[in-house]
Amino acid sequence: KLADRLHNMRTLHYIAKPEKRRRIALETLEIYAPLAERIGMQAIKDELDDLAFKELHGDARDSILKRLSFLRENGSELVARIVAELKAVIAETGIGAEIYGREKRPYSIWRKMQR
């Protein structure tokens, strides 16, 4: 079912009626993406979220993608400097720790902005 829904979302633009595309995208966000996450299929969940987000809030998605691209290009030095400083402080305390991070997905960023 998830593979079928993923295919349907990838080809959603072929559906002529906007209200039908919107209904399918909402259903995907409310049912299929959480199901994929629950059974450990994070990559499928992320793609379903992104495809539905593109359909429902395309302008917001484009804006977030543009800002993420800017941050990737211009913020990597800052992140590296902060990580280095954190590692130094942690090393001074004698605590064994790892520092790692990840880039949030556009839909996740948008949801947090809505709160």
PDB file of N, CA and C in Angstrom:
ATOM      1  N   LYS A   1       0.814  -1.201   0.000  1.00  0.00           N
ATOM      2  CA  LYS A   1       0.000   0.000   0.000  1.00  0.00           C
ATOM      3  C   LYS A   1       0.859   1.268   0.000  1.00  0.00           C
ATOM      4  N   LEU A   2       1.955   1.230   0.783  1.00  0.00           N
ATOM      5  CA  LEU A   2       2.819   2.408   0.837  1.00  0.00           C
ATOM      6  C   LEU A   2       3.512   2.663  -0.496  1.00  0.00           C
ATOM      7  N   ALA A   3       3.956   1.602  -1.141  1.00  0.00           N
ATOM      8  CA  ALA A   3       4.606   1.761  -2.450  1.00  0.00           C
ATOM      9  C   ALA A   3       3.612   2.318  -3.467  1.00  0.00           C
ATOM     10  N   ASP A   4       2.374   1.851  -3.394  1.00  0.00           N
ATOM     11  CA  ASP A   4       1.334   2.337  -4.294  1.00  0.00           C
ATOM     12  C   ASP A   4       1.055   3.821  -4.033  1.00  0.00           C
ATOM     13  N   ARG A   5       0.977   4.198  -2.762  1.00  0.00           N
ATOM     14  CA  ARG A   5       0.721   5.598  -2.432  1.00  0.00           C
ATOM     15  C   ARG A   5       1.885   6.483  -2.860  1.00  0.00           C
ATOM     16  N   LEU A   6       3.092   5.989  -2.676  1.00  0.00           N
ATOM     17  CA  LEU A   6       4.265   6.753  -3.097  1.00  0.00           C
ATOM     18  C   LEU A   6       4.227   6.988  -4.607  1.00  0.00           C
ATOM     19  N   HIS A   7       3.893   5.960  -5.358  1.00  0.00           N
ATOM     20  CA  HIS A   7       3.762   6.116  -6.816  1.00  0.00           C
ATOM     21  C   HIS A   7       2.666   7.121  -7.150  1.00  0.00           C
ATOM     22  N   ASN A   8       1.528   7.008  -6.457  1.00  0.00           N
ATOM     23  CA  ASN A   8       0.424   7.943  -6.705  1.00  0.00           C
ATOM     24  C   ASN A   8       0.842   9.386  -6.422  1.00  0.00           C
ATOM     25  N   MET A   9       1.603   9.585  -5.359  1.00  0.00           N
ATOM     26  CA  MET A   9       2.045  10.942  -5.022  1.00  0.00           C
ATOM     27  C   MET A   9       3.069  11.454  -6.028  1.00  0.00           C
ATOM     28  N   ARG A  10       3.909  10.571  -6.520  1.00  0.00           N
ATOM     29  CA  ARG A  10       4.902  10.983  -7.520  1.00  0.00           C
ATOM     30  C   ARG A  10       4.241  11.389  -8.833  1.00  0.00           C
ATOM     31  N   THR A  11       3.059  10.866  -9.096  1.00  0.00           N
ATOM     32  CA  THR A  11       2.352  11.161 -10.351  1.00  0.00           C
ATOM     33  C   THR A  11       1.111  12.018 -10.121  1.00  0.00           C
ATOM     34  N   LEU A  12       1.018  12.648  -8.970  1.00  0.00           N
ATOM     35  CA  LEU A  12      -0.157  13.433  -8.593  1.00  0.00           C
ATOM     36  C   LEU A  12      -0.448  14.561  -9.584  1.00  0.00           C
ATOM     37  N   HIS A  13       0.587  15.119 -10.173  1.00  0.00           N
ATOM     38  CA  HIS A  13       0.402  16.253 -11.089  1.00  0.00           C
ATOM     39  C   HIS A  13      -0.408  15.885 -12.335  1.00  0.00           C
ATOM     40  N   TYR A  14      -0.593  14.598 -12.599  1.00  0.00           N
ATOM     41  CA  TYR A  14      -1.396  14.190 -13.752  1.00  0.00           C
ATOM     42  C   TYR A  14      -2.896  14.246 -13.466  1.00  0.00           C
ATOM     43  N   ILE A  15      -3.278  14.414 -12.225  1.00  0.00           N
ATOM     44  CA  ILE A  15      -4.698  14.520 -11.877  1.00  0.00           C
ATOM     45  C   ILE A  15      -5.138  15.951 -12.147  1.00  0.00           C
ATOM     46  N   ALA A  16      -6.176  16.090 -12.950  1.00  0.00           N
ATOM     47  CA  ALA A  16      -6.603  17.413 -13.400  1.00  0.00           C
ATOM     48  C   ALA A  16      -7.299  18.231 -12.311  1.00  0.00           C
ATOM     49  N   LYS A  17      -8.084  17.586 -11.465  1.00  0.00           N
ATOM     50  CA  LYS A  17      -8.883  18.320 -10.479  1.00  0.00           C
ATOM     51  C   LYS A  17      -8.047  18.679  -9.242  1.00  0.00           C
ATOM     52  N   PRO A  18      -7.877  19.981  -8.983  1.00  0.00           N
ATOM     53  CA  PRO A  18      -7.086  20.413  -7.819  1.00  0.00           C
ATOM     54  C   PRO A  18      -7.636  19.897  -6.488  1.00  0.00           C
ATOM     55  N   GLU A  19      -8.964  19.840  -6.367  1.00  0.00           N
ATOM     56  CA  GLU A  19      -9.546  19.379  -5.100  1.00  0.00           C
ATOM     57  C   GLU A  19      -9.250  17.900  -4.847  1.00  0.00           C
ATOM     58  N   LYS A  20      -9.160  17.108  -5.913  1.00  0.00           N
ATOM     59  CA  LYS A  20      -8.811  15.693  -5.751  1.00  0.00           C
ATOM     60  C   LYS A  20      -7.334  15.552  -5.362  1.00  0.00           C
ATOM     61  N   ARG A  21      -6.462  16.348  -5.990  1.00  0.00           N
ATOM     62  CA  ARG A  21      -5.042  16.325  -5.621  1.00  0.00           C
ATOM     63  C   ARG A  21      -4.867  16.719  -4.157  1.00  0.00           C
ATOM     64  N   ARG A  22      -5.599  17.726  -3.741  1.00  0.00           N
ATOM     65  CA  ARG A  22      -5.524  18.196  -2.353  1.00  0.00           C
ATOM     66  C   ARG A  22      -6.006  17.116  -1.382  1.00  0.00           C
ATOM     67  N   ARG A  23      -7.100  16.456  -1.703  1.00  0.00           N
ATOM     68  CA  ARG A  23      -7.638  15.397  -0.844  1.00  0.00           C
ATOM     69  C   ARG A  23      -6.635  14.263  -0.695  1.00  0.00           C
ATOM     70  N   ILE A  24      -6.022  13.873  -1.799  1.00  0.00           N
ATOM     71  CA  ILE A  24      -5.031  12.789  -1.771  1.00  0.00           C
ATOM     72  C   ILE A  24      -3.808  13.209  -0.957  1.00  0.00           C
ATOM     73  N   ALA A  25      -3.373  14.442  -1.118  1.00  0.00           N
ATOM     74  CA  ALA A  25      -2.208  14.930  -0.370  1.00  0.00           C
ATOM     75  C   ALA A  25      -2.500  14.974   1.131  1.00  0.00           C
ATOM     76  N   LEU A  26      -3.683  15.449   1.512  1.00  0.00           N
ATOM     77  CA  LEU A  26      -4.058  15.481   2.930  1.00  0.00           C
ATOM     78  C   LEU A  26      -4.127  14.075   3.517  1.00  0.00           C
ATOM     79  N   GLU A  27      -4.727  13.170   2.780  1.00  0.00           N
ATOM     80  CA  GLU A  27      -4.820  11.771   3.212  1.00  0.00           C
ATOM     81  C   GLU A  27      -3.421  11.178   3.396  1.00  0.00           C
ATOM     82  N   THR A  28      -2.528  11.544   2.515  1.00  0.00           N
ATOM     83  CA  THR A  28      -1.150  11.058   2.602  1.00  0.00           C
ATOM     84  C   THR A  28      -0.482  11.549   3.878  1.00  0.00           C
ATOM     85  N   LEU A  29      -0.645  12.833   4.191  1.00  0.00           N
ATOM     86  CA  LEU A  29      -0.037  13.390   5.404  1.00  0.00           C
ATOM     87  C   LEU A  29      -0.653  12.820   6.677  1.00  0.00           C
ATOM     88  N   GLU A  30      -1.955  12.584   6.646  1.00  0.00           N
ATOM     89  CA  GLU A  30      -2.649  12.151   7.857  1.00  0.00           C
ATOM     90  C   GLU A  30      -2.568  10.653   8.104  1.00  0.00           C
ATOM     91  N   ILE A  31      -2.472   9.852   7.045  1.00  0.00           N
ATOM     92  CA  ILE A  31      -2.535   8.394   7.211  1.00  0.00           C
ATOM     93  C   ILE A  31      -1.253   7.702   6.779  1.00  0.00           C
ATOM     94  N   TYR A  32      -0.851   7.898   5.546  1.00  0.00           N
ATOM     95  CA  TYR A  32       0.239   7.094   4.986  1.00  0.00           C
ATOM     96  C   TYR A  32       1.623   7.477   5.509  1.00  0.00           C
ATOM     97  N   ALA A  33       1.904   8.762   5.621  1.00  0.00           N
ATOM     98  CA  ALA A  33       3.221   9.167   6.131  1.00  0.00           C
ATOM     99  C   ALA A  33       3.426   8.709   7.582  1.00  0.00           C
ATOM    100  N   PRO A  34       2.439   8.917   8.476  1.00  0.00           N
ATOM    101  CA  PRO A  34       2.621   8.405   9.842  1.00  0.00           C
ATOM    102  C   PRO A  34       2.754   6.879   9.890  1.00  0.00           C
ATOM    103  N   LEU A  35       2.040   6.188   9.023  1.00  0.00           N
ATOM    104  CA  LEU A  35       2.145   4.727   8.969  1.00  0.00           C
ATOM    105  C   LEU A  35       3.554   4.309   8.559  1.00  0.00           C
ATOM    106  N   ALA A  36       4.089   4.963   7.554  1.00  0.00           N
ATOM    107  CA  ALA A  36       5.456   4.654   7.104  1.00  0.00           C
ATOM    108  C   ALA A  36       6.450   4.892   8.237  1.00  0.00           C
ATOM    109  N   GLU A  37       6.270   5.971   8.970  1.00  0.00           N
ATOM    110  CA  GLU A  37       7.172   6.256  10.092  1.00  0.00           C
ATOM    111  C   GLU A  37       7.044   5.188  11.176  1.00  0.00           C
ATOM    112  N   ARG A  38       5.839   4.812  11.466  1.00  0.00           N
ATOM    113  CA  ARG A  38       5.604   3.841  12.535  1.00  0.00           C
ATOM    114  C   ARG A  38       6.256   2.498  12.251  1.00  0.00           C
ATOM    115  N   ILE A  39       6.312   2.110  10.995  1.00  0.00           N
ATOM    116  CA  ILE A  39       6.912   0.805  10.677  1.00  0.00           C
ATOM    117  C   ILE A  39       8.378   0.935  10.264  1.00  0.00           C
ATOM    118  N   GLY A  40       8.960   2.097  10.513  1.00  0.00           N
ATOM    119  CA  GLY A  40      10.395   2.268  10.322  1.00  0.00           C
ATOM    120  C   GLY A  40      10.848   2.589   8.914  1.00  0.00           C
ATOM    121  N   MET A  41       9.949   3.066   8.081  1.00  0.00           N
ATOM    122  CA  MET A  41      10.298   3.401   6.702  1.00  0.00           C
ATOM    123  C   MET A  41      10.426   4.923   6.581  1.00  0.00           C
ATOM    124  N   GLN A  42      11.458   5.461   7.222  1.00  0.00           N
ATOM    125  CA  GLN A  42      11.642   6.907   7.320  1.00  0.00           C
ATOM    126  C   GLN A  42      11.837   7.568   5.956  1.00  0.00           C
ATOM    127  N   ALA A  43      12.567   6.934   5.070  1.00  0.00           N
ATOM    128  CA  ALA A  43      12.810   7.531   3.748  1.00  0.00           C
ATOM    129  C   ALA A  43      11.500   7.681   2.978  1.00  0.00           C
ATOM    130  N   ILE A  44      10.625   6.694   3.077  1.00  0.00           N
ATOM    131  CA  ILE A  44       9.325   6.773   2.398  1.00  0.00           C
ATOM    132  C   ILE A  44       8.469   7.841   3.063  1.00  0.00           C
ATOM    133  N   LYS A  45       8.476   7.894   4.392  1.00  0.00           N
ATOM    134  CA  LYS A  45       7.724   8.917   5.111  1.00  0.00           C
ATOM    135  C   LYS A  45       8.173  10.309   4.674  1.00  0.00           C
ATOM    136  N   ASP A  46       9.494  10.516   4.622  1.00  0.00           N
ATOM    137  CA  ASP A  46      10.022  11.823   4.234  1.00  0.00           C
ATOM    138  C   ASP A  46       9.587  12.212   2.827  1.00  0.00           C
ATOM    139  N   GLU A  47       9.628  11.257   1.909  1.00  0.00           N
ATOM    140  CA  GLU A  47       9.232  11.573   0.534  1.00  0.00           C
ATOM    141  C   GLU A  47       7.733  11.835   0.440  1.00  0.00           C
ATOM    142  N   LEU A  48       6.923  11.050   1.149  1.00  0.00           N
ATOM    143  CA  LEU A  48       5.476  11.285   1.155  1.00  0.00           C
ATOM    144  C   LEU A  48       5.169  12.669   1.726  1.00  0.00           C
ATOM    145  N   ASP A  49       5.810  13.012   2.843  1.00  0.00           N
ATOM    146  CA  ASP A  49       5.627  14.345   3.434  1.00  0.00           C
ATOM    147  C   ASP A  49       5.973  15.433   2.428  1.00  0.00           C
ATOM    148  N   ASP A  50       7.120  15.283   1.780  1.00  0.00           N
ATOM    149  CA  ASP A  50       7.585  16.314   0.858  1.00  0.00           C
ATOM    150  C   ASP A  50       6.655  16.460  -0.343  1.00  0.00           C
ATOM    151  N   LEU A  51       6.222  15.351  -0.900  1.00  0.00           N
ATOM    152  CA  LEU A  51       5.331  15.414  -2.062  1.00  0.00           C
ATOM    153  C   LEU A  51       3.983  16.028  -1.695  1.00  0.00           C
ATOM    154  N   ALA A  52       3.456  15.671  -0.531  1.00  0.00           N
ATOM    155  CA  ALA A  52       2.185  16.243  -0.087  1.00  0.00           C
ATOM    156  C   ALA A  52       2.354  17.729   0.226  1.00  0.00           C
ATOM    157  N   PHE A  53       3.445  18.078   0.876  1.00  0.00           N
ATOM    158  CA  PHE A  53       3.735  19.475   1.199  1.00  0.00           C
ATOM    159  C   PHE A  53       3.833  20.309  -0.073  1.00  0.00           C
ATOM    160  N   LYS A  54       4.468  19.758  -1.081  1.00  0.00           N
ATOM    161  CA  LYS A  54       4.598  20.441  -2.374  1.00  0.00           C
ATOM    162  C   LYS A  54       3.224  20.732  -2.968  1.00  0.00           C
ATOM    163  N   GLU A  55       2.320  19.778  -2.865  1.00  0.00           N
ATOM    164  CA  GLU A  55       0.974  19.956  -3.412  1.00  0.00           C
ATOM    165  C   GLU A  55       0.159  20.954  -2.592  1.00  0.00           C
ATOM    166  N   LEU A  56       0.240  20.859  -1.277  1.00  0.00           N
ATOM    167  CA  LEU A  56      -0.621  21.659  -0.413  1.00  0.00           C
ATOM    168  C   LEU A  56      -0.097  23.071  -0.168  1.00  0.00           C
ATOM    169  N   HIS A  57       1.214  23.212  -0.077  1.00  0.00           N
ATOM    170  CA  HIS A  57       1.815  24.507   0.262  1.00  0.00           C
ATOM    171  C   HIS A  57       3.091  24.707  -0.548  1.00  0.00           C
ATOM    172  N   GLY A  58       2.950  24.666  -1.847  1.00  0.00           N
ATOM    173  CA  GLY A  58       4.106  24.733  -2.742  1.00  0.00           C
ATOM    174  C   GLY A  58       4.966  25.971  -2.570  1.00  0.00           C
ATOM    175  N   ASP A  59       4.332  27.127  -2.370  1.00  0.00           N
ATOM    176  CA  ASP A  59       5.104  28.365  -2.216  1.00  0.00           C
ATOM    177  C   ASP A  59       5.934  28.344  -0.935  1.00  0.00           C
ATOM    178  N   ALA A  60       5.329  27.878   0.148  1.00  0.00           N
ATOM    179  CA  ALA A  60       6.059  27.790   1.425  1.00  0.00           C
ATOM    180  C   ALA A  60       7.215  26.811   1.297  1.00  0.00           C
ATOM    181  N   ARG A  61       6.982  25.690   0.635  1.00  0.00           N
ATOM    182  CA  ARG A  61       8.037  24.684   0.440  1.00  0.00           C
ATOM    183  C   ARG A  61       9.194  25.278  -0.357  1.00  0.00           C
ATOM    184  N   ASP A  62       8.862  25.981  -1.445  1.00  0.00           N
ATOM    185  CA  ASP A  62       9.906  26.587  -2.276  1.00  0.00           C
ATOM    186  C   ASP A  62      10.731  27.597  -1.477  1.00  0.00           C
ATOM    187  N   SER A  63      10.058  28.395  -0.656  1.00  0.00           N
ATOM    188  CA  SER A  63      10.750  29.385   0.163  1.00  0.00           C
ATOM    189  C   SER A  63      11.696  28.709   1.157  1.00  0.00           C
ATOM    190  N   ILE A  64      11.235  27.654   1.801  1.00  0.00           N
ATOM    191  CA  ILE A  64      12.071  26.933   2.766  1.00  0.00           C
ATOM    192  C   ILE A  64      13.251  26.280   2.060  1.00  0.00           C
ATOM    193  N   LEU A  65      13.012  25.669   0.904  1.00  0.00           N
ATOM    194  CA  LEU A  65      14.109  25.042   0.155  1.00  0.00           C
ATOM    195  C   LEU A  65      15.169  26.072  -0.239  1.00  0.00           C
ATOM    196  N   LYS A  66      14.717  27.248  -0.630  1.00  0.00           N
ATOM    197  CA  LYS A  66      15.635  28.321  -1.016  1.00  0.00           C
ATOM    198  C   LYS A  66      16.492  28.745   0.179  1.00  0.00           C
ATOM    199  N   ARG A  67      15.867  28.880   1.340  1.00  0.00           N
ATOM    200  CA  ARG A  67      16.607  29.275   2.541  1.00  0.00           C
ATOM    201  C   ARG A  67      17.567  28.182   2.989  1.00  0.00           C
ATOM    202  N   LEU A  68      17.138  26.924   2.889  1.00  0.00           N
ATOM    203  CA  LEU A  68      18.030  25.816   3.249  1.00  0.00           C
ATOM    204  C   LEU A  68      19.251  25.789   2.341  1.00  0.00           C
ATOM    205  N   SER A  69      19.037  26.032   1.068  1.00  0.00           N
ATOM    206  CA  SER A  69      20.141  26.064   0.120  1.00  0.00           C
ATOM    207  C   SER A  69      21.120  27.181   0.485  1.00  0.00           C
ATOM    208  N   PHE A  70      20.582  28.343   0.815  1.00  0.00           N
ATOM    209  CA  PHE A  70      21.425  29.468   1.225  1.00  0.00           C
ATOM    210  C   PHE A  70      22.239  29.111   2.469  1.00  0.00           C
ATOM    211  N   LEU A  71      21.577  28.498   3.445  1.00  0.00           N
ATOM    212  CA  LEU A  71      22.271  28.127   4.685  1.00  0.00           C
ATOM    213  C   LEU A  71      23.340  27.073   4.441  1.00  0.00           C
ATOM    214  N   ARG A  72      23.055  26.130   3.552  1.00  0.00           N
ATOM    215  CA  ARG A  72      24.051  25.102   3.214  1.00  0.00           C
ATOM    216  C   ARG A  72      25.303  25.751   2.637  1.00  0.00           C
ATOM    217  N   GLU A  73      25.086  26.726   1.767  1.00  0.00           N
ATOM    218  CA  GLU A  73      26.207  27.386   1.099  1.00  0.00           C
ATOM    219  C   GLU A  73      26.958  28.337   2.026  1.00  0.00           C
ATOM    220  N   ASN A  74      26.228  29.020   2.906  1.00  0.00           N
ATOM    221  CA  ASN A  74      26.840  30.095   3.692  1.00  0.00           C
ATOM    222  C   ASN A  74      26.984  29.805   5.182  1.00  0.00           C
ATOM    223  N   GLY A  75      26.348  28.762   5.664  1.00  0.00           N
ATOM    224  CA  GLY A  75      26.366  28.520   7.103  1.00  0.00           C
ATOM    225  C   GLY A  75      27.237  27.376   7.552  1.00  0.00           C
ATOM    226  N   SER A  76      27.851  26.661   6.615  1.00  0.00           N
ATOM    227  CA  SER A  76      28.612  25.473   7.002  1.00  0.00           C
ATOM    228  C   SER A  76      29.825  25.819   7.859  1.00  0.00           C
ATOM    229  N   GLU A  77      30.464  26.948   7.589  1.00  0.00           N
ATOM    230  CA  GLU A  77      31.616  27.362   8.407  1.00  0.00           C
ATOM    231  C   GLU A  77      31.187  27.663   9.837  1.00  0.00           C
ATOM    232  N   LEU A  78      30.055  28.318   9.993  1.00  0.00           N
ATOM    233  CA  LEU A  78      29.544  28.641  11.322  1.00  0.00           C
ATOM    234  C   LEU A  78      29.237  27.366  12.100  1.00  0.00           C
ATOM    235  N   VAL A  79      28.575  26.431  11.461  1.00  0.00           N
ATOM    236  CA  VAL A  79      28.244  25.164  12.116  1.00  0.00           C
ATOM    237  C   VAL A  79      29.521  24.433  12.518  1.00  0.00           C
ATOM    238  N   ALA A  80      30.497  24.384  11.644  1.00  0.00           N
ATOM    239  CA  ALA A  80      31.764  23.712  11.949  1.00  0.00           C
ATOM    240  C   ALA A  80      32.462  24.381  13.132  1.00  0.00           C
ATOM    241  N   ARG A  81      32.415  25.700  13.186  1.00  0.00           N
ATOM    242  CA  ARG A  81      33.045  26.428  14.291  1.00  0.00           C
ATOM    243  C   ARG A  81      32.336  26.143  15.620  1.00  0.00           C
ATOM    244  N   ILE A  82      31.016  26.117  15.593  1.00  0.00           N
ATOM    245  CA  ILE A  82      30.244  25.825  16.805  1.00  0.00           C
ATOM    246  C   ILE A  82      30.520  24.405  17.282  1.00  0.00           C
ATOM    247  N   VAL A  83      30.548  23.451  16.364  1.00  0.00           N
ATOM    248  CA  VAL A  83      30.838  22.060  16.722  1.00  0.00           C
ATOM    249  C   VAL A  83      32.228  21.954  17.341  1.00  0.00           C
ATOM    250  N   ALA A  84      33.201  22.619  16.760  1.00  0.00           N
ATOM    251  CA  ALA A  84      34.570  22.585  17.293  1.00  0.00           C
ATOM    252  C   ALA A  84      34.618  23.162  18.708  1.00  0.00           C
ATOM    253  N   GLU A  85      33.916  24.271  18.932  1.00  0.00           N
ATOM    254  CA  GLU A  85      33.883  24.873  20.269  1.00  0.00           C
ATOM    255  C   GLU A  85      33.213  23.949  21.273  1.00  0.00           C
ATOM    256  N   LEU A  86      32.115  23.330  20.877  1.00  0.00           N
ATOM    257  CA  LEU A  86      31.430  22.388  21.768  1.00  0.00           C
ATOM    258  C   LEU A  86      32.323  21.207  22.113  1.00  0.00           C
ATOM    259  N   LYS A  87      33.002  20.674  21.114  1.00  0.00           N
ATOM    260  CA  LYS A  87      33.913  19.548  21.357  1.00  0.00           C
ATOM    261  C   LYS A  87      35.008  19.934  22.346  1.00  0.00           C
ATOM    262  N   ALA A  88      35.537  21.130  22.209  1.00  0.00           N
ATOM    263  CA  ALA A  88      36.595  21.592  23.113  1.00  0.00           C
ATOM    264  C   ALA A  88      36.081  21.707  24.544  1.00  0.00           C
ATOM    265  N   VAL A  89      34.906  22.290  24.715  1.00  0.00           N
ATOM    266  CA  VAL A  89      34.323  22.443  26.051  1.00  0.00           C
ATOM    267  C   VAL A  89      34.035  21.079  26.671  1.00  0.00           C
ATOM    268  N   ILE A  90      33.485  20.183  25.886  1.00  0.00           N
ATOM    269  CA  ILE A  90      33.171  18.840  26.385  1.00  0.00           C
ATOM    270  C   ILE A  90      34.450  18.094  26.748  1.00  0.00           C
ATOM    271  N   ALA A  91      35.472  18.221  25.935  1.00  0.00           N
ATOM    272  CA  ALA A  91      36.751  17.547  26.202  1.00  0.00           C
ATOM    273  C   ALA A  91      37.373  18.059  27.503  1.00  0.00           C
ATOM    274  N   GLU A  92      37.250  19.359  27.773  1.00  0.00           N
ATOM    275  CA  GLU A  92      37.786  19.940  29.008  1.00  0.00           C
ATOM    276  C   GLU A  92      37.133  19.344  30.249  1.00  0.00           C
ATOM    277  N   THR A  93      35.867  18.992  30.140  1.00  0.00           N
ATOM    278  CA  THR A  93      35.144  18.447  31.292  1.00  0.00           C
ATOM    279  C   THR A  93      35.414  16.965  31.492  1.00  0.00           C
ATOM    280  N   GLY A  94      36.024  16.338  30.502  1.00  0.00           N
ATOM    281  CA  GLY A  94      36.309  14.913  30.603  1.00  0.00           C
ATOM    282  C   GLY A  94      35.119  14.030  30.279  1.00  0.00           C
ATOM    283  N   ILE A  95      34.105  14.608  29.736  1.00  0.00           N
ATOM    284  CA  ILE A  95      32.913  13.837  29.367  1.00  0.00           C
ATOM    285  C   ILE A  95      33.124  13.253  27.975  1.00  0.00           C
ATOM    286  N   GLY A  96      32.868  11.965  27.842  1.00  0.00           N
ATOM    287  CA  GLY A  96      32.941  11.338  26.522  1.00  0.00           C
ATOM    288  C   GLY A  96      31.617  11.540  25.800  1.00  0.00           C
ATOM    289  N   ALA A  97      31.640  12.260  24.721  1.00  0.00           N
ATOM    290  CA  ALA A  97      30.396  12.540  24.000  1.00  0.00           C
ATOM    291  C   ALA A  97      30.675  12.705  22.519  1.00  0.00           C
ATOM    292  N   GLU A  98      29.640  12.489  21.749  1.00  0.00           N
ATOM    293  CA  GLU A  98      29.687  12.728  20.304  1.00  0.00           C
ATOM    294  C   GLU A  98      28.749  13.873  19.985  1.00  0.00           C
ATOM    295  N   ILE A  99      29.110  14.649  19.002  1.00  0.00           N
ATOM    296  CA  ILE A  99      28.242  15.725  18.537  1.00  0.00           C
ATOM    297  C   ILE A  99      27.873  15.413  17.097  1.00  0.00           C
ATOM    298  N   TYR A 100      26.598  15.386  16.841  1.00  0.00           N
ATOM    299  CA  TYR A 100      26.140  15.127  15.483  1.00  0.00           C
ATOM    300  C   TYR A 100      24.837  15.879  15.264  1.00  0.00           C
ATOM    301  N   GLY A 101      24.482  16.024  14.040  1.00  0.00           N
ATOM    302  CA  GLY A 101      23.258  16.737  13.712  1.00  0.00           C
ATOM    303  C   GLY A 101      22.709  16.269  12.388  1.00  0.00           C
ATOM    304  N   ARG A 102      21.596  16.843  12.048  1.00  0.00           N
ATOM    305  CA  ARG A 102      20.969  16.521  10.777  1.00  0.00           C
ATOM    306  C   ARG A 102      20.217  17.754  10.294  1.00  0.00           C
ATOM    307  N   GLU A 103      20.002  17.789   9.027  1.00  0.00           N
ATOM    308  CA  GLU A 103      19.221  18.878   8.456  1.00  0.00           C
ATOM    309  C   GLU A 103      17.755  18.483   8.516  1.00  0.00           C
ATOM    310  N   LYS A 104      16.941  19.368   9.033  1.00  0.00           N
ATOM    311  CA  LYS A 104      15.511  19.078   9.101  1.00  0.00           C
ATOM    312  C   LYS A 104      14.913  19.130   7.698  1.00  0.00           C
ATOM    313  N   ARG A 105      13.845  18.396   7.530  1.00  0.00           N
ATOM    314  CA  ARG A 105      13.139  18.354   6.254  1.00  0.00           C
ATOM    315  C   ARG A 105      12.229  19.583   6.133  1.00  0.00           C
ATOM    316  N   PRO A 106      11.979  20.052   4.905  1.00  0.00           N
ATOM    317  CA  PRO A 106      11.150  21.251   4.721  1.00  0.00           C
ATOM    318  C   PRO A 106       9.776  21.170   5.392  1.00  0.00           C
ATOM    319  N   TYR A 107       9.100  20.026   5.282  1.00  0.00           N
ATOM    320  CA  TYR A 107       7.769  19.919   5.888  1.00  0.00           C
ATOM    321  C   TYR A 107       7.855  20.022   7.403  1.00  0.00           C
ATOM    322  N   SER A 108       8.863  19.417   7.992  1.00  0.00           N
ATOM    323  CA  SER A 108       9.054  19.482   9.437  1.00  0.00           C
ATOM    324  C   SER A 108       9.320  20.918   9.894  1.00  0.00           C
ATOM    325  N   ILE A 109      10.129  21.634   9.145  1.00  0.00           N
ATOM    326  CA  ILE A 109      10.410  23.042   9.458  1.00  0.00           C
ATOM    327  C   ILE A 109       9.120  23.849   9.394  1.00  0.00           C
ATOM    328  N   TRP A 110       8.346  23.646   8.347  1.00  0.00           N
ATOM    329  CA  TRP A 110       7.100  24.388   8.163  1.00  0.00           C
ATOM    330  C   TRP A 110       6.122  24.112   9.304  1.00  0.00           C
ATOM    331  N   ARG A 111       6.005  22.845   9.709  1.00  0.00           N
ATOM    332  CA  ARG A 111       5.097  22.494  10.816  1.00  0.00           C
ATOM    333  C   ARG A 111       5.498  23.223  12.091  1.00  0.00           C
ATOM    334  N   LYS A 112       6.787  23.275  12.361  1.00  0.00           N
ATOM    335  CA  LYS A 112       7.245  23.985  13.564  1.00  0.00           C
ATOM    336  C   LYS A 112       6.962  25.480  13.450  1.00  0.00           C
ATOM    337  N   MET A 113       7.063  26.022  12.270  1.00  0.00           N
ATOM    338  CA  MET A 113       6.775  27.443  12.070  1.00  0.00           C
ATOM    339  C   MET A 113       5.292  27.742  12.293  1.00  0.00           C
ATOM    340  N   GLN A 114       4.435  26.759  12.091  1.00  0.00           N
ATOM    341  CA  GLN A 114       2.997  26.961  12.250  1.00  0.00           C
ATOM    342  C   GLN A 114       2.574  26.996  13.718  1.00  0.00           C
ATOM    343  N   ARG A 115       3.430  26.498  14.600  1.00  0.00           N
ATOM    344  CA  ARG A 115       3.075  26.459  16.038  1.00  0.00           C
ATOM    345  C   ARG A 115       3.286  27.788  16.686  1.00  0.00           C
TER     346      ARG A 115
END
